C-alpha atoms as a PDB file:
ATOM      1  CA  UNK A   1      -8.298  14.153   5.591  1.00  0.00           C
ATOM      2  CA  UNK A   2      -5.112  16.247   5.141  1.00  0.00           C
ATOM      3  CA  UNK A   3      -1.918  14.236   5.377  1.00  0.00           C
ATOM      4  CA  UNK A   4       1.577  13.785   3.857  1.00  0.00           C
ATOM      5  CA  UNK A   5       1.068  10.275   3.007  1.00  0.00           C
ATOM      6  CA  UNK A   6       1.091   9.907  -0.848  1.00  0.00           C
ATOM      7  CA  UNK A   7      -1.145   6.785  -0.798  1.00  0.00           C
ATOM      8  CA  UNK A   8      -4.556   6.942   0.869  1.00  0.00           C
ATOM      9  CA  UNK A   9      -7.353   4.325   0.534  1.00  0.00           C
ATOM     10  CA  UNK A  10     -10.630   4.632   1.796  1.00  0.00           C
ATOM     11  CA  UNK A  11     -12.824   1.491   2.589  1.00  0.00           C
ATOM     12  CA  UNK A  12     -14.456  -0.641   5.120  1.00  0.00           C
ATOM     13  CA  UNK A  13     -13.153  -3.343   7.614  1.00  0.00           C
ATOM     14  CA  UNK A  14     -13.963  -6.753   6.248  1.00  0.00           C
ATOM     15  CA  UNK A  15     -12.200  -8.787   8.832  1.00  0.00           C
ATOM     16  CA  UNK A  16     -10.119  -8.633  12.015  1.00  0.00           C
ATOM     17  CA  UNK A  17      -7.777 -11.529  12.899  1.00  0.00           C
ATOM     18  CA  UNK A  18      -6.507 -11.344  16.612  1.00  0.00           C
ATOM     19  CA  UNK A  19      -2.849 -12.643  17.378  1.00  0.00           C
ATOM     20  CA  UNK A  20      -1.053 -12.832  20.571  1.00  0.00           C
ATOM     21  CA  UNK A  21       0.254  -9.137  20.342  1.00  0.00           C
ATOM     22  CA  UNK A  22      -0.844  -7.754  16.889  1.00  0.00           C
ATOM     23  CA  UNK A  23      -4.195  -7.895  14.876  1.00  0.00           C
ATOM     24  CA  UNK A  24      -4.366  -8.240  11.146  1.00  0.00           C
ATOM     25  CA  UNK A  25      -7.036  -5.910   9.815  1.00  0.00           C
ATOM     26  CA  UNK A  26      -8.335  -6.383   6.364  1.00  0.00           C
ATOM     27  CA  UNK A  27      -9.733  -3.251   4.504  1.00  0.00           C
ATOM     28  CA  UNK A  28     -11.834  -3.560   1.397  1.00  0.00           C
ATOM     29  CA  UNK A  29     -11.025  -0.380  -0.543  1.00  0.00           C
ATOM     30  CA  UNK A  30     -12.433   1.379  -3.623  1.00  0.00           C
ATOM     31  CA  UNK A  31     -11.961  -0.423  -6.810  1.00  0.00           C
ATOM     32  CA  UNK A  32     -12.014  -3.934  -5.402  1.00  0.00           C
ATOM     33  CA  UNK A  33      -8.631  -3.945  -3.667  1.00  0.00           C
ATOM     34  CA  UNK A  34      -7.940  -5.361  -0.191  1.00  0.00           C
ATOM     35  CA  UNK A  35      -5.352  -3.805   1.968  1.00  0.00           C
ATOM     36  CA  UNK A  36      -4.117  -5.689   5.041  1.00  0.00           C
ATOM     37  CA  UNK A  37      -2.779  -3.819   7.984  1.00  0.00           C
ATOM     38  CA  UNK A  38      -0.975  -5.382  11.045  1.00  0.00           C
ATOM     39  CA  UNK A  39      -1.556  -3.225  14.090  1.00  0.00           C
ATOM     40  CA  UNK A  40      -1.350  -3.653  17.852  1.00  0.00           C
ATOM     41  CA  UNK A  41      -4.660  -5.064  19.662  1.00  0.00           C
ATOM     42  CA  UNK A  42      -4.693  -1.644  21.596  1.00  0.00           C
ATOM     43  CA  UNK A  43      -5.069   0.202  18.292  1.00  0.00           C
ATOM     44  CA  UNK A  44      -7.783  -2.132  17.021  1.00  0.00           C
ATOM     45  CA  UNK A  45      -9.724  -1.424  20.229  1.00  0.00           C
ATOM     46  CA  UNK A  46      -9.001   2.322  20.311  1.00  0.00           C
ATOM     47  CA  UNK A  47      -9.989   2.698  16.671  1.00  0.00           C
ATOM     48  CA  UNK A  48     -13.105   0.593  17.057  1.00  0.00           C
ATOM     49  CA  UNK A  49     -12.134  -1.524  14.391  1.00  0.00           C
ATOM     50  CA  UNK A  50     -14.483  -4.458  13.409  1.00  0.00           C
ATOM     51  CA  UNK A  51     -16.182  -5.467  10.116  1.00  0.00           C
ATOM     52  CA  UNK A  52     -18.394  -2.749   8.547  1.00  0.00           C
ATOM     53  CA  UNK A  53     -16.412   0.048  10.064  1.00  0.00           C
ATOM     54  CA  UNK A  54     -15.073   2.674   7.726  1.00  0.00           C
ATOM     55  CA  UNK A  55     -11.532   3.222   7.832  1.00  0.00           C
ATOM     56  CA  UNK A  56      -8.604   4.890   5.658  1.00  0.00           C
ATOM     57  CA  UNK A  57      -5.324   3.119   5.017  1.00  0.00           C
ATOM     58  CA  UNK A  58      -2.207   5.142   4.814  1.00  0.00           C
ATOM     59  CA  UNK A  59       1.007   4.031   3.112  1.00  0.00           C
ATOM     60  CA  UNK A  60       3.984   6.233   2.842  1.00  0.00           C
ATOM     61  CA  UNK A  61       5.446   6.135  -0.709  1.00  0.00           C
ATOM     62  CA  UNK A  62       8.911   5.374   0.719  1.00  0.00           C
ATOM     63  CA  UNK A  63       7.279   2.172   2.193  1.00  0.00           C
ATOM     64  CA  UNK A  64       6.323   0.915  -1.328  1.00  0.00           C
ATOM     65  CA  UNK A  65       8.767  -1.247  -3.128  1.00  0.00           C
ATOM     66  CA  UNK A  66       8.712  -2.103  -6.804  1.00  0.00           C
ATOM     67  CA  UNK A  67       9.156  -5.481  -8.381  1.00  0.00           C
ATOM     68  CA  UNK A  68       9.257  -6.575 -11.964  1.00  0.00           C
ATOM     69  CA  UNK A  69       8.739 -10.207 -11.521  1.00  0.00           C
ATOM     70  CA  UNK A  70       6.305 -10.725  -8.608  1.00  0.00           C
ATOM     71  CA  UNK A  71       4.403 -13.258 -10.312  1.00  0.00           C
ATOM     72  CA  UNK A  72       7.258 -15.724 -10.274  1.00  0.00           C
ATOM     73  CA  UNK A  73       7.922 -15.506  -6.668  1.00  0.00           C
ATOM     74  CA  UNK A  74       5.845 -16.398  -3.386  1.00  0.00           C
ATOM     75  CA  UNK A  75       6.316 -13.119  -1.135  1.00  0.00           C
ATOM     76  CA  UNK A  76       5.594 -12.889   2.537  1.00  0.00           C
ATOM     77  CA  UNK A  77       4.298  -9.433   1.704  1.00  0.00           C
ATOM     78  CA  UNK A  78       0.522  -9.146   2.242  1.00  0.00           C
ATOM     79  CA  UNK A  79      -0.041  -6.188  -0.107  1.00  0.00           C
ATOM     80  CA  UNK A  80       0.892  -6.665  -3.507  1.00  0.00           C
ATOM     81  CA  UNK A  81      -0.589  -4.411  -6.334  1.00  0.00           C
ATOM     82  CA  UNK A  82       0.207  -5.201 -10.010  1.00  0.00           C
ATOM     83  CA  UNK A  83      -0.087  -2.246 -12.294  1.00  0.00           C
ATOM     84  CA  UNK A  84       1.531  -0.132 -14.765  1.00  0.00           C
ATOM     85  CA  UNK A  85       3.976   2.558 -14.314  1.00  0.00           C
ATOM     86  CA  UNK A  86       2.175   6.027 -15.660  1.00  0.00           C
ATOM     87  CA  UNK A  87       4.978   8.350 -14.519  1.00  0.00           C
ATOM     88  CA  UNK A  88       8.595   8.587 -13.318  1.00  0.00           C
ATOM     89  CA  UNK A  89       9.536  11.917 -11.784  1.00  0.00           C
ATOM     90  CA  UNK A  90      13.361  11.891 -11.299  1.00  0.00           C
ATOM     91  CA  UNK A  91      15.085  13.845  -8.476  1.00  0.00           C
ATOM     92  CA  UNK A  92      18.685  14.315  -7.392  1.00  0.00           C
ATOM     93  CA  UNK A  93      18.856  11.332  -5.393  1.00  0.00           C
ATOM     94  CA  UNK A  94      15.276   9.679  -5.476  1.00  0.00           C
ATOM     95  CA  UNK A  95      12.298   9.404  -7.960  1.00  0.00           C
ATOM     96  CA  UNK A  96       8.645   9.172  -7.400  1.00  0.00           C
ATOM     97  CA  UNK A  97       7.120   6.348  -9.410  1.00  0.00           C
ATOM     98  CA  UNK A  98       3.275   6.486  -9.992  1.00  0.00           C
ATOM     99  CA  UNK A  99       1.759   3.066 -10.720  1.00  0.00           C
ATOM    100  CA  UNK A 100      -1.845   2.793 -12.048  1.00  0.00           C
ATOM    101  CA  UNK A 101      -3.737  -0.147 -10.961  1.00  0.00           C
ATOM    102  CA  UNK A 102      -6.491  -1.983 -12.971  1.00  0.00           C
ATOM    103  CA  UNK A 103      -9.059  -0.976 -10.193  1.00  0.00           C
ATOM    104  CA  UNK A 104      -8.491   2.825 -11.212  1.00  0.00           C
ATOM    105  CA  UNK A 105      -6.535   3.527  -8.044  1.00  0.00           C
ATOM    106  CA  UNK A 106      -2.871   4.425  -8.115  1.00  0.00           C
ATOM    107  CA  UNK A 107      -0.175   4.056  -5.812  1.00  0.00           C
ATOM    108  CA  UNK A 108       2.960   6.007  -5.404  1.00  0.00           C
ATOM    109  CA  UNK A 109       6.480   4.799  -4.634  1.00  0.00           C
ATOM    110  CA  UNK A 110       9.789   6.625  -3.747  1.00  0.00           C
ATOM    111  CA  UNK A 111      12.868   4.443  -4.900  1.00  0.00           C
ATOM    112  CA  UNK A 112      16.491   5.670  -5.469  1.00  0.00           C
ATOM    113  CA  UNK A 113      17.604   6.924  -8.828  1.00  0.00           C
ATOM    114  CA  UNK A 114      19.802   3.690  -8.730  1.00  0.00           C
ATOM    115  CA  UNK A 115      16.866   1.701  -8.671  1.00  0.00           C
ATOM    116  CA  UNK A 116      15.275   3.539 -11.505  1.00  0.00           C
ATOM    117  CA  UNK A 117      18.329   2.737 -13.587  1.00  0.00           C
ATOM    118  CA  UNK A 118      18.726  -0.775 -12.422  1.00  0.00           C
ATOM    119  CA  UNK A 119      15.123  -1.684 -12.939  1.00  0.00           C
ATOM    120  CA  UNK A 120      14.901   0.450 -16.079  1.00  0.00           C
ATOM    121  CA  UNK A 121      11.691   1.910 -14.767  1.00  0.00           C
ATOM    122  CA  UNK A 122       9.603   3.782 -17.276  1.00  0.00           C
ATOM    123  CA  UNK A 123       5.868   4.559 -18.128  1.00  0.00           C
ATOM    124  CA  UNK A 124       4.180   1.805 -19.613  1.00  0.00           C
ATOM    125  CA  UNK A 125       5.821  -1.035 -17.831  1.00  0.00           C
ATOM    126  CA  UNK A 126       4.118  -3.589 -15.808  1.00  0.00           C
ATOM    127  CA  UNK A 127       5.296  -3.487 -12.316  1.00  0.00           C
ATOM    128  CA  UNK A 128       4.218  -4.861  -8.841  1.00  0.00           C
ATOM    129  CA  UNK A 129       3.937  -2.426  -5.824  1.00  0.00           C
ATOM    130  CA  UNK A 130       4.298  -4.186  -2.579  1.00  0.00           C
ATOM    131  CA  UNK A 131       3.940  -2.963   1.054  1.00  0.00           C
ATOM    132  CA  UNK A 132       4.197  -5.026   4.251  1.00  0.00           C
ATOM    133  CA  UNK A 133       1.318  -4.998   6.548  1.00  0.00           C
ATOM    134  CA  UNK A 134       3.242  -3.527   9.404  1.00  0.00           C
ATOM    135  CA  UNK A 135       3.718  -0.274   7.316  1.00  0.00           C
ATOM    136  CA  UNK A 136       0.104   0.228   6.637  1.00  0.00           C
ATOM    137  CA  UNK A 137      -1.472   2.898   9.105  1.00  0.00           C
ATOM    138  CA  UNK A 138      -5.344   2.896   9.694  1.00  0.00           C
ATOM    139  CA  UNK A 139      -7.443   5.694  10.609  1.00  0.00           C
ATOM    140  CA  UNK A 140     -11.044   6.187  11.206  1.00  0.00           C
ATOM    141  CA  UNK A 141     -13.166   9.423  11.490  1.00  0.00           C
ATOM    142  CA  UNK A 142     -13.899  10.801  15.047  1.00  0.00           C
END
């Protein structure tokens, strides 16, 4: 798959929870992680999503927020990935922050340079990457 999304996770659907309009789809991905996506029921049917189906979760780096002390809070965000910053690539306005996860996977986040300074983001720091389920895009092979 060729995509501009920085975060691509391959896995299998483990559960589909239907709601009135949207479905919550749980995807077990490589490294033992679970990613939850909130998508329309139309999309669930169109993609043929049900337990056992192989799928890919795409999360734009700009949708990934970083938080130092997430373990001290209950968050409504379904996707929370605790890890360690491995690289910070600064730019004029934004920076790309790479977070290595214990599973061996990584997740990238695009944050403002102001956030890099305010949070003192640097390699070796523990951090939690979070992404709302509604910002996860699912894809399946044709």
